[in-house]
Amino acid sequence: MGTSILDALNVRVEGSGDKYLVFAHGFGTDQSAWQRVLPYFTRHYSVILYDLVCAGSVNPDYFDYRRYTALDAYVDDLLKILDSLRVTRCAYVGHSISAMIGMLASIRRPELFSKLILIGASPRFLNDGENYHGGFEQGEIEQVFSAMEANYEAWVNGFAPLAVGADVPTAVREFSRTLFNMRPDISLFVARTVFNSDLRGILGLVSVPCCIMQTARDMSVPATVATYMKEHLGGKSTVQWLDTEGHLPHLSAPSYLAHQLEIALSQ
């Protein structure tokens, strides 16, 4: 990236609090996914928002296929942003892929993170025999990739309502909009990276306190995954069961999620 990372990834700092809070979005969205949650936190925090390099709001030329084959490159980006802003300590809220990015970042730099809040997080989406229920068989995942490749628009129109889960048309429209913003080849590449990653082995290395937020029904992450993570994370961890449905509570139930985040941050 010739441009500074702060410009390239549209980094914003909102609010005037003396404590830093990072909101990091997941696959298929960009930082706008947090727009209805943000106002609850700008009084007490300086809130850092940014776009993952794969987001449709970022110049696709910055997406280096060789570099972003694994999550480590995304971790580099996050740490570079925090260092550029001279942040020495922050609370971190990560959704889906960004939950994993936050955990990996905290292993490298534990002193940087006071707490990780993980929404819709999964260390592995594929089932692994009797030992682990990730929610998907390899064949099902391959079907997803084939559908994305064959007709991206049709795939988005089918996937968005399932992912949102709750009957909230505005959230489905919003998620569809940011999915359509992504270049289909980048979207497919990132989906492959996410679905093929297995971070179960690193959970024990996470020493920073974690709060796992799990909705009542998430098509991407079964409830058993939240319990698995709690049992295997290295530091103090809790599960906060949310009384709402779907993989994107920040889009479908923003004020409810904001309240749950306030509870988690106060503990």
C-alpha atoms as a PDB file:
ATOM      1  CA  MET A   1       0.000   0.000   0.000  1.00  0.00           C
ATOM      2  CA  GLY A   2       1.584   3.241  -1.123  1.00  0.00           C
ATOM      3  CA  THR A   3      -1.173   5.161   0.662  1.00  0.00           C
ATOM      4  CA  SER A   4      -1.022   5.253   4.434  1.00  0.00           C
ATOM      5  CA  ILE A   5      -2.957   2.381   5.999  1.00  0.00           C
ATOM      6  CA  LEU A   6      -5.206   4.886   7.800  1.00  0.00           C
ATOM      7  CA  ASP A   7      -6.343   6.280   4.442  1.00  0.00           C
ATOM      8  CA  ALA A   8      -6.375   2.983   2.564  1.00  0.00           C
ATOM      9  CA  LEU A   9      -8.631   1.246   5.107  1.00  0.00           C
ATOM     10  CA  ASN A  10     -10.797   4.323   5.824  1.00  0.00           C
ATOM     11  CA  VAL A  11      -9.845   4.511   9.495  1.00  0.00           C
ATOM     12  CA  ARG A  12     -12.032   6.831  11.586  1.00  0.00           C
ATOM     13  CA  VAL A  13     -11.885   7.784  15.254  1.00  0.00           C
ATOM     14  CA  GLU A  14     -15.246   8.932  16.597  1.00  0.00           C
ATOM     15  CA  GLY A  15     -16.049  10.204  20.071  1.00  0.00           C
ATOM     16  CA  SER A  16     -14.155  11.911  22.836  1.00  0.00           C
ATOM     17  CA  GLY A  17     -13.665   9.375  25.610  1.00  0.00           C
ATOM     18  CA  ASP A  18     -10.228   8.731  27.075  1.00  0.00           C
ATOM     19  CA  LYS A  19     -10.516   4.968  26.534  1.00  0.00           C
ATOM     20  CA  TYR A  20     -10.186   3.361  23.110  1.00  0.00           C
ATOM     21  CA  LEU A  21     -12.772   0.957  21.726  1.00  0.00           C
ATOM     22  CA  VAL A  22     -12.298  -0.795  18.366  1.00  0.00           C
ATOM     23  CA  PHE A  23     -15.251  -1.961  16.254  1.00  0.00           C
ATOM     24  CA  ALA A  24     -14.100  -4.420  13.585  1.00  0.00           C
ATOM     25  CA  HIS A  25     -16.602  -5.695  11.008  1.00  0.00           C
ATOM     26  CA  GLY A  26     -16.984  -9.177   9.550  1.00  0.00           C
ATOM     27  CA  PHE A  27     -17.173 -10.805   6.132  1.00  0.00           C
ATOM     28  CA  GLY A  28     -19.571  -9.155   3.689  1.00  0.00           C
ATOM     29  CA  THR A  29     -19.926  -5.852   5.547  1.00  0.00           C
ATOM     30  CA  ASP A  30     -17.843  -2.734   6.129  1.00  0.00           C
ATOM     31  CA  GLN A  31     -17.588  -0.284   9.029  1.00  0.00           C
ATOM     32  CA  SER A  32     -21.065   1.094   8.249  1.00  0.00           C
ATOM     33  CA  ALA A  33     -22.445  -2.092   9.856  1.00  0.00           C
ATOM     34  CA  TRP A  34     -21.745  -0.429  13.237  1.00  0.00           C
ATOM     35  CA  GLN A  35     -23.487   2.871  12.467  1.00  0.00           C
ATOM     36  CA  ARG A  36     -26.532   2.217  14.689  1.00  0.00           C
ATOM     37  CA  VAL A  37     -24.407   0.868  17.558  1.00  0.00           C
ATOM     38  CA  LEU A  38     -21.784   3.628  17.481  1.00  0.00           C
ATOM     39  CA  PRO A  39     -23.818   6.487  19.070  1.00  0.00           C
ATOM     40  CA  TYR A  40     -24.083   4.540  22.345  1.00  0.00           C
ATOM     41  CA  PHE A  41     -20.306   4.630  22.808  1.00  0.00           C
ATOM     42  CA  THR A  42     -18.968   7.964  21.527  1.00  0.00           C
ATOM     43  CA  ARG A  43     -19.568   9.740  24.875  1.00  0.00           C
ATOM     44  CA  HIS A  44     -17.370   7.412  26.898  1.00  0.00           C
ATOM     45  CA  TYR A  45     -14.885   6.153  24.320  1.00  0.00           C
ATOM     46  CA  SER A  46     -12.767   7.148  21.396  1.00  0.00           C
ATOM     47  CA  VAL A  47     -14.142   4.593  18.947  1.00  0.00           C
ATOM     48  CA  ILE A  48     -11.872   3.302  16.192  1.00  0.00           C
ATOM     49  CA  LEU A  49     -13.570   2.054  13.028  1.00  0.00           C
ATOM     50  CA  TYR A  50     -11.923   0.713   9.891  1.00  0.00           C
ATOM     51  CA  ASP A  51     -12.626  -1.412   6.836  1.00  0.00           C
ATOM     52  CA  LEU A  52     -11.039  -4.782   6.238  1.00  0.00           C
ATOM     53  CA  VAL A  53      -9.006  -4.777   3.025  1.00  0.00           C
ATOM     54  CA  CYS A  54     -11.607  -7.094   1.425  1.00  0.00           C
ATOM     55  CA  ALA A  55     -14.509  -4.684   2.006  1.00  0.00           C
ATOM     56  CA  GLY A  56     -16.213  -3.154  -1.023  1.00  0.00           C
ATOM     57  CA  SER A  57     -15.481   0.322   0.357  1.00  0.00           C
ATOM     58  CA  VAL A  58     -11.716  -0.241  -0.053  1.00  0.00           C
ATOM     59  CA  ASN A  59      -9.882   0.144  -3.366  1.00  0.00           C
ATOM     60  CA  PRO A  60      -9.651  -3.459  -4.661  1.00  0.00           C
ATOM     61  CA  ASP A  61      -6.090  -2.798  -5.854  1.00  0.00           C
ATOM     62  CA  TYR A  62      -5.034  -3.032  -2.199  1.00  0.00           C
ATOM     63  CA  PHE A  63      -6.225  -6.629  -2.016  1.00  0.00           C
ATOM     64  CA  ASP A  64      -3.065  -8.627  -2.602  1.00  0.00           C
ATOM     65  CA  TYR A  65      -4.029 -12.233  -3.309  1.00  0.00           C
ATOM     66  CA  ARG A  66      -0.596 -13.498  -2.269  1.00  0.00           C
ATOM     67  CA  ARG A  67      -0.633 -11.629   1.017  1.00  0.00           C
ATOM     68  CA  TYR A  68      -4.170 -12.248   2.228  1.00  0.00           C
ATOM     69  CA  THR A  69      -4.170 -16.035   1.916  1.00  0.00           C
ATOM     70  CA  ALA A  70      -4.332 -16.377   5.707  1.00  0.00           C
ATOM     71  CA  LEU A  71      -5.662 -14.277   8.578  1.00  0.00           C
ATOM     72  CA  ASP A  72      -2.161 -13.198   9.690  1.00  0.00           C
ATOM     73  CA  ALA A  73      -2.034 -10.445   7.070  1.00  0.00           C
ATOM     74  CA  TYR A  74      -5.304  -9.010   8.438  1.00  0.00           C
ATOM     75  CA  VAL A  75      -3.750  -9.111  11.923  1.00  0.00           C
ATOM     76  CA  ASP A  76      -0.769  -7.127  10.583  1.00  0.00           C
ATOM     77  CA  ASP A  77      -3.207  -4.494   9.279  1.00  0.00           C
ATOM     78  CA  LEU A  78      -5.041  -4.183  12.614  1.00  0.00           C
ATOM     79  CA  LEU A  79      -1.819  -3.825  14.612  1.00  0.00           C
ATOM     80  CA  LYS A  80      -0.424  -1.329  12.109  1.00  0.00           C
ATOM     81  CA  ILE A  81      -3.584   0.788  12.497  1.00  0.00           C
ATOM     82  CA  LEU A  82      -3.385   0.747  16.302  1.00  0.00           C
ATOM     83  CA  ASP A  83       0.324   1.605  16.223  1.00  0.00           C
ATOM     84  CA  SER A  84      -0.258   4.421  13.707  1.00  0.00           C
ATOM     85  CA  LEU A  85      -2.877   5.893  16.074  1.00  0.00           C
ATOM     86  CA  ARG A  86      -0.453   5.402  19.007  1.00  0.00           C
ATOM     87  CA  VAL A  87      -2.980   3.280  20.873  1.00  0.00           C
ATOM     88  CA  THR A  88      -1.375   1.463  23.801  1.00  0.00           C
ATOM     89  CA  ARG A  89      -4.529  -0.200  25.181  1.00  0.00           C
ATOM     90  CA  CYS A  90      -8.031  -0.771  23.871  1.00  0.00           C
ATOM     91  CA  ALA A  91     -11.151  -2.882  24.199  1.00  0.00           C
ATOM     92  CA  TYR A  92     -11.924  -4.711  20.971  1.00  0.00           C
ATOM     93  CA  VAL A  93     -15.254  -5.787  19.463  1.00  0.00           C
ATOM     94  CA  GLY A  94     -14.889  -8.115  16.480  1.00  0.00           C
ATOM     95  CA  HIS A  95     -17.595  -9.690  14.352  1.00  0.00           C
ATOM     96  CA  SER A  96     -17.137 -13.019  12.507  1.00  0.00           C
ATOM     97  CA  ILE A  97     -13.718 -12.987  10.737  1.00  0.00           C
ATOM     98  CA  SER A  98     -12.691  -9.991  12.873  1.00  0.00           C
ATOM     99  CA  ALA A  99     -13.327 -11.956  16.062  1.00  0.00           C
ATOM    100  CA  MET A 100     -10.611 -14.347  14.879  1.00  0.00           C
ATOM    101  CA  ILE A 101      -8.345 -11.470  13.793  1.00  0.00           C
ATOM    102  CA  GLY A 102      -8.691  -9.920  17.261  1.00  0.00           C
ATOM    103  CA  MET A 103      -7.786 -13.179  18.998  1.00  0.00           C
ATOM    104  CA  LEU A 104      -4.682 -13.618  16.839  1.00  0.00           C
ATOM    105  CA  ALA A 105      -3.685  -9.974  17.431  1.00  0.00           C
ATOM    106  CA  SER A 106      -4.070 -10.450  21.194  1.00  0.00           C
ATOM    107  CA  ILE A 107      -1.706 -13.436  21.142  1.00  0.00           C
ATOM    108  CA  ARG A 108       0.971 -11.296  19.494  1.00  0.00           C
ATOM    109  CA  ARG A 109       0.370  -8.210  21.658  1.00  0.00           C
ATOM    110  CA  PRO A 110      -1.595  -9.150  24.806  1.00  0.00           C
ATOM    111  CA  GLU A 111      -0.770  -5.874  26.572  1.00  0.00           C
ATOM    112  CA  LEU A 112      -2.595  -3.942  23.840  1.00  0.00           C
ATOM    113  CA  PHE A 113      -6.049  -5.420  24.574  1.00  0.00           C
ATOM    114  CA  SER A 114      -7.977  -5.072  27.829  1.00  0.00           C
ATOM    115  CA  LYS A 115     -10.862  -7.237  26.605  1.00  0.00           C
ATOM    116  CA  LEU A 116     -12.061  -8.974  23.444  1.00  0.00           C
ATOM    117  CA  ILE A 117     -15.766  -9.140  22.648  1.00  0.00           C
ATOM    118  CA  LEU A 118     -16.366 -11.791  20.015  1.00  0.00           C
ATOM    119  CA  ILE A 119     -19.636 -11.746  18.054  1.00  0.00           C
ATOM    120  CA  GLY A 120     -20.583 -14.646  15.760  1.00  0.00           C
ATOM    121  CA  ALA A 121     -17.104 -16.110  16.242  1.00  0.00           C
ATOM    122  CA  SER A 122     -15.966 -19.542  15.127  1.00  0.00           C
ATOM    123  CA  PRO A 123     -12.470 -21.056  15.158  1.00  0.00           C
ATOM    124  CA  ARG A 124     -13.550 -23.605  12.534  1.00  0.00           C
ATOM    125  CA  PHE A 125     -16.717 -23.830  10.433  1.00  0.00           C
ATOM    126  CA  LEU A 126     -16.219 -27.428   9.312  1.00  0.00           C
ATOM    127  CA  ASN A 127     -17.316 -30.396  11.384  1.00  0.00           C
ATOM    128  CA  ASP A 128     -14.509 -32.656  12.539  1.00  0.00           C
ATOM    129  CA  GLY A 129     -15.913 -36.122  13.114  1.00  0.00           C
ATOM    130  CA  GLU A 130     -17.284 -36.761  16.592  1.00  0.00           C
ATOM    131  CA  ASN A 131     -14.924 -34.290  18.235  1.00  0.00           C
ATOM    132  CA  TYR A 132     -16.154 -30.981  16.924  1.00  0.00           C
ATOM    133  CA  HIS A 133     -19.375 -29.599  15.487  1.00  0.00           C
ATOM    134  CA  GLY A 134     -18.598 -26.517  13.411  1.00  0.00           C
ATOM    135  CA  GLY A 135     -21.926 -26.557  11.581  1.00  0.00           C
ATOM    136  CA  PHE A 136     -20.855 -27.455   8.027  1.00  0.00           C
ATOM    137  CA  GLU A 137     -19.711 -30.489   6.068  1.00  0.00           C
ATOM    138  CA  GLN A 138     -17.036 -30.028   3.390  1.00  0.00           C
ATOM    139  CA  GLY A 139     -19.590 -30.745   0.646  1.00  0.00           C
ATOM    140  CA  GLU A 140     -21.928 -27.999   1.893  1.00  0.00           C
ATOM    141  CA  ILE A 141     -19.079 -25.487   1.863  1.00  0.00           C
ATOM    142  CA  GLU A 142     -18.099 -26.479  -1.670  1.00  0.00           C
ATOM    143  CA  GLN A 143     -21.723 -25.873  -2.725  1.00  0.00           C
ATOM    144  CA  VAL A 144     -21.520 -22.366  -1.266  1.00  0.00           C
ATOM    145  CA  PHE A 145     -18.356 -21.646  -3.272  1.00  0.00           C
ATOM    146  CA  SER A 146     -19.917 -23.048  -6.456  1.00  0.00           C
ATOM    147  CA  ALA A 147     -23.028 -20.914  -5.997  1.00  0.00           C
ATOM    148  CA  MET A 148     -20.917 -17.786  -5.418  1.00  0.00           C
ATOM    149  CA  GLU A 149     -18.935 -18.502  -8.569  1.00  0.00           C
ATOM    150  CA  ALA A 150     -21.895 -19.417 -10.767  1.00  0.00           C
ATOM    151  CA  ASN A 151     -24.094 -16.400 -10.007  1.00  0.00           C
ATOM    152  CA  TYR A 152     -22.923 -14.022  -7.291  1.00  0.00           C
ATOM    153  CA  GLU A 153     -26.062 -11.901  -7.377  1.00  0.00           C
ATOM    154  CA  ALA A 154     -28.353 -14.899  -6.929  1.00  0.00           C
ATOM    155  CA  TRP A 155     -26.128 -16.197  -4.121  1.00  0.00           C
ATOM    156  CA  VAL A 156     -26.293 -12.865  -2.242  1.00  0.00           C
ATOM    157  CA  ASN A 157     -30.071 -12.712  -2.610  1.00  0.00           C
ATOM    158  CA  GLY A 158     -30.344 -16.170  -1.052  1.00  0.00           C
ATOM    159  CA  PHE A 159     -27.605 -15.850   1.567  1.00  0.00           C
ATOM    160  CA  ALA A 160     -28.372 -12.402   3.041  1.00  0.00           C
ATOM    161  CA  PRO A 161     -31.805 -13.261   4.545  1.00  0.00           C
ATOM    162  CA  LEU A 162     -30.483 -16.551   5.959  1.00  0.00           C
ATOM    163  CA  ALA A 163     -27.516 -14.835   7.576  1.00  0.00           C
ATOM    164  CA  VAL A 164     -29.615 -12.029   9.068  1.00  0.00           C
ATOM    165  CA  GLY A 165     -31.938 -14.731  10.374  1.00  0.00           C
ATOM    166  CA  ALA A 166     -34.406 -12.352  12.007  1.00  0.00           C
ATOM    167  CA  ASP A 167     -37.271 -10.837  10.025  1.00  0.00           C
ATOM    168  CA  VAL A 168     -35.680  -7.410   9.631  1.00  0.00           C
ATOM    169  CA  PRO A 169     -35.881  -6.317   5.968  1.00  0.00           C
ATOM    170  CA  THR A 170     -33.706  -3.218   6.544  1.00  0.00           C
ATOM    171  CA  ALA A 171     -30.891  -5.434   7.847  1.00  0.00           C
ATOM    172  CA  VAL A 172     -31.214  -7.783   4.851  1.00  0.00           C
ATOM    173  CA  ARG A 173     -31.073  -4.807   2.470  1.00  0.00           C
ATOM    174  CA  GLU A 174     -28.053  -3.380   4.268  1.00  0.00           C
ATOM    175  CA  PHE A 175     -26.151  -6.690   4.289  1.00  0.00           C
ATOM    176  CA  SER A 176     -27.011  -7.279   0.622  1.00  0.00           C
ATOM    177  CA  ARG A 177     -25.746  -3.795  -0.259  1.00  0.00           C
ATOM    178  CA  THR A 178     -22.310  -4.361   1.294  1.00  0.00           C
ATOM    179  CA  LEU A 179     -22.055  -7.891  -0.161  1.00  0.00           C
ATOM    180  CA  PHE A 180     -22.792  -6.474  -3.632  1.00  0.00           C
ATOM    181  CA  ASN A 181     -20.136  -3.809  -3.022  1.00  0.00           C
ATOM    182  CA  MET A 182     -17.484  -6.505  -2.805  1.00  0.00           C
ATOM    183  CA  ARG A 183     -15.864  -7.636  -5.996  1.00  0.00           C
ATOM    184  CA  PRO A 184     -17.159 -11.221  -6.453  1.00  0.00           C
ATOM    185  CA  ASP A 185     -13.690 -12.735  -6.938  1.00  0.00           C
ATOM    186  CA  ILE A 186     -12.442 -11.108  -3.716  1.00  0.00           C
ATOM    187  CA  SER A 187     -15.595 -12.187  -1.881  1.00  0.00           C
ATOM    188  CA  LEU A 188     -15.091 -15.805  -2.960  1.00  0.00           C
ATOM    189  CA  PHE A 189     -11.378 -15.734  -2.078  1.00  0.00           C
ATOM    190  CA  VAL A 190     -12.091 -14.413   1.437  1.00  0.00           C
ATOM    191  CA  ALA A 191     -14.930 -16.911   1.930  1.00  0.00           C
ATOM    192  CA  ARG A 192     -12.474 -19.706   1.086  1.00  0.00           C
ATOM    193  CA  THR A 193      -9.894 -18.285   3.517  1.00  0.00           C
ATOM    194  CA  VAL A 194     -12.461 -18.073   6.317  1.00  0.00           C
ATOM    195  CA  PHE A 195     -14.138 -21.433   5.746  1.00  0.00           C
ATOM    196  CA  ASN A 196     -10.839 -23.283   5.392  1.00  0.00           C
ATOM    197  CA  SER A 197      -9.184 -21.792   8.473  1.00  0.00           C
ATOM    198  CA  ASP A 198      -8.820 -23.779  11.677  1.00  0.00           C
ATOM    199  CA  LEU A 199      -7.859 -21.756  14.738  1.00  0.00           C
ATOM    200  CA  ARG A 200      -8.792 -24.314  17.371  1.00  0.00           C
ATOM    201  CA  GLY A 201      -5.110 -24.872  18.159  1.00  0.00           C
ATOM    202  CA  ILE A 202      -4.457 -21.245  19.112  1.00  0.00           C
ATOM    203  CA  LEU A 203      -7.410 -20.686  21.476  1.00  0.00           C
ATOM    204  CA  GLY A 204      -5.318 -21.699  24.495  1.00  0.00           C
ATOM    205  CA  LEU A 205      -2.757 -18.993  23.636  1.00  0.00           C
ATOM    206  CA  VAL A 206      -5.357 -16.217  24.074  1.00  0.00           C
ATOM    207  CA  SER A 207      -4.740 -14.800  27.560  1.00  0.00           C
ATOM    208  CA  VAL A 208      -6.798 -11.598  27.262  1.00  0.00           C
ATOM    209  CA  PRO A 209     -10.294 -11.815  28.861  1.00  0.00           C
ATOM    210  CA  CYS A 210     -12.940 -12.684  26.249  1.00  0.00           C
ATOM    211  CA  CYS A 211     -16.687 -12.267  26.114  1.00  0.00           C
ATOM    212  CA  ILE A 212     -18.272 -14.511  23.491  1.00  0.00           C
ATOM    213  CA  MET A 213     -21.627 -13.186  22.269  1.00  0.00           C
ATOM    214  CA  GLN A 214     -23.849 -15.835  20.757  1.00  0.00           C
ATOM    215  CA  THR A 215     -27.330 -15.261  19.359  1.00  0.00           C
ATOM    216  CA  ALA A 216     -30.215 -17.691  19.808  1.00  0.00           C
ATOM    217  CA  ARG A 217     -29.918 -18.970  16.260  1.00  0.00           C
ATOM    218  CA  ASP A 218     -27.005 -18.293  13.936  1.00  0.00           C
ATOM    219  CA  MET A 219     -26.919 -20.219  10.640  1.00  0.00           C
ATOM    220  CA  SER A 220     -23.111 -19.820  10.496  1.00  0.00           C
ATOM    221  CA  VAL A 221     -22.217 -20.641  14.095  1.00  0.00           C
ATOM    222  CA  PRO A 222     -23.987 -23.303  16.190  1.00  0.00           C
ATOM    223  CA  ALA A 223     -24.306 -22.613  19.928  1.00  0.00           C
ATOM    224  CA  THR A 224     -21.941 -25.533  20.635  1.00  0.00           C
ATOM    225  CA  VAL A 225     -19.111 -23.492  19.097  1.00  0.00           C
ATOM    226  CA  ALA A 226     -19.519 -20.744  21.723  1.00  0.00           C
ATOM    227  CA  THR A 227     -19.302 -23.348  24.492  1.00  0.00           C
ATOM    228  CA  TYR A 228     -16.278 -24.963  22.823  1.00  0.00           C
ATOM    229  CA  MET A 229     -14.489 -21.617  22.662  1.00  0.00           C
ATOM    230  CA  LYS A 230     -15.228 -20.824  26.295  1.00  0.00           C
ATOM    231  CA  GLU A 231     -13.774 -24.182  27.327  1.00  0.00           C
ATOM    232  CA  HIS A 232     -10.610 -23.789  25.244  1.00  0.00           C
ATOM    233  CA  LEU A 233      -9.683 -20.091  25.492  1.00  0.00           C
ATOM    234  CA  GLY A 234      -6.589 -19.515  27.634  1.00  0.00           C
ATOM    235  CA  GLY A 235      -7.800 -16.523  29.626  1.00  0.00           C
ATOM    236  CA  LYS A 236     -10.921 -15.666  31.572  1.00  0.00           C
ATOM    237  CA  SER A 237     -13.864 -16.071  29.221  1.00  0.00           C
ATOM    238  CA  THR A 238     -17.630 -15.794  29.433  1.00  0.00           C
ATOM    239  CA  VAL A 239     -20.496 -16.485  27.039  1.00  0.00           C
ATOM    240  CA  GLN A 240     -23.234 -13.892  26.778  1.00  0.00           C
ATOM    241  CA  TRP A 241     -26.303 -15.548  25.221  1.00  0.00           C
ATOM    242  CA  LEU A 242     -28.208 -12.947  23.226  1.00  0.00           C
ATOM    243  CA  ASP A 243     -31.975 -12.962  23.076  1.00  0.00           C
ATOM    244  CA  THR A 244     -32.023 -12.235  19.346  1.00  0.00           C
ATOM    245  CA  GLU A 245     -31.496 -14.273  16.183  1.00  0.00           C
ATOM    246  CA  GLY A 246     -29.066 -14.324  13.309  1.00  0.00           C
ATOM    247  CA  HIS A 247     -25.405 -13.799  12.486  1.00  0.00           C
ATOM    248  CA  LEU A 248     -25.562  -9.976  12.351  1.00  0.00           C
ATOM    249  CA  PRO A 249     -27.143  -8.604  15.550  1.00  0.00           C
ATOM    250  CA  HIS A 250     -25.484  -5.203  14.969  1.00  0.00           C
ATOM    251  CA  LEU A 251     -27.650  -4.890  11.825  1.00  0.00           C
ATOM    252  CA  SER A 252     -30.815  -6.631  13.036  1.00  0.00           C
ATOM    253  CA  ALA A 253     -30.970  -5.525  16.708  1.00  0.00           C
ATOM    254  CA  PRO A 254     -28.507  -2.633  17.128  1.00  0.00           C
ATOM    255  CA  SER A 255     -29.879  -0.984  20.282  1.00  0.00           C
ATOM    256  CA  TYR A 256     -30.239  -4.351  22.023  1.00  0.00           C
ATOM    257  CA  LEU A 257     -26.691  -5.304  21.036  1.00  0.00           C
ATOM    258  CA  ALA A 258     -25.358  -1.912  22.192  1.00  0.00           C
ATOM    259  CA  HIS A 259     -26.882  -2.540  25.631  1.00  0.00           C
ATOM    260  CA  GLN A 260     -25.326  -6.025  25.760  1.00  0.00           C
ATOM    261  CA  LEU A 261     -21.961  -4.563  24.768  1.00  0.00           C
ATOM    262  CA  GLU A 262     -22.255  -1.962  27.566  1.00  0.00           C
ATOM    263  CA  ILE A 263     -22.837  -4.802  30.035  1.00  0.00           C
ATOM    264  CA  ALA A 264     -19.856  -6.771  28.717  1.00  0.00           C
ATOM    265  CA  LEU A 265     -17.547  -3.738  28.760  1.00  0.00           C
ATOM    266  CA  SER A 266     -18.498  -2.867  32.345  1.00  0.00           C
ATOM    267  CA  GLN A 267     -17.541  -6.302  33.686  1.00  0.00           C
END
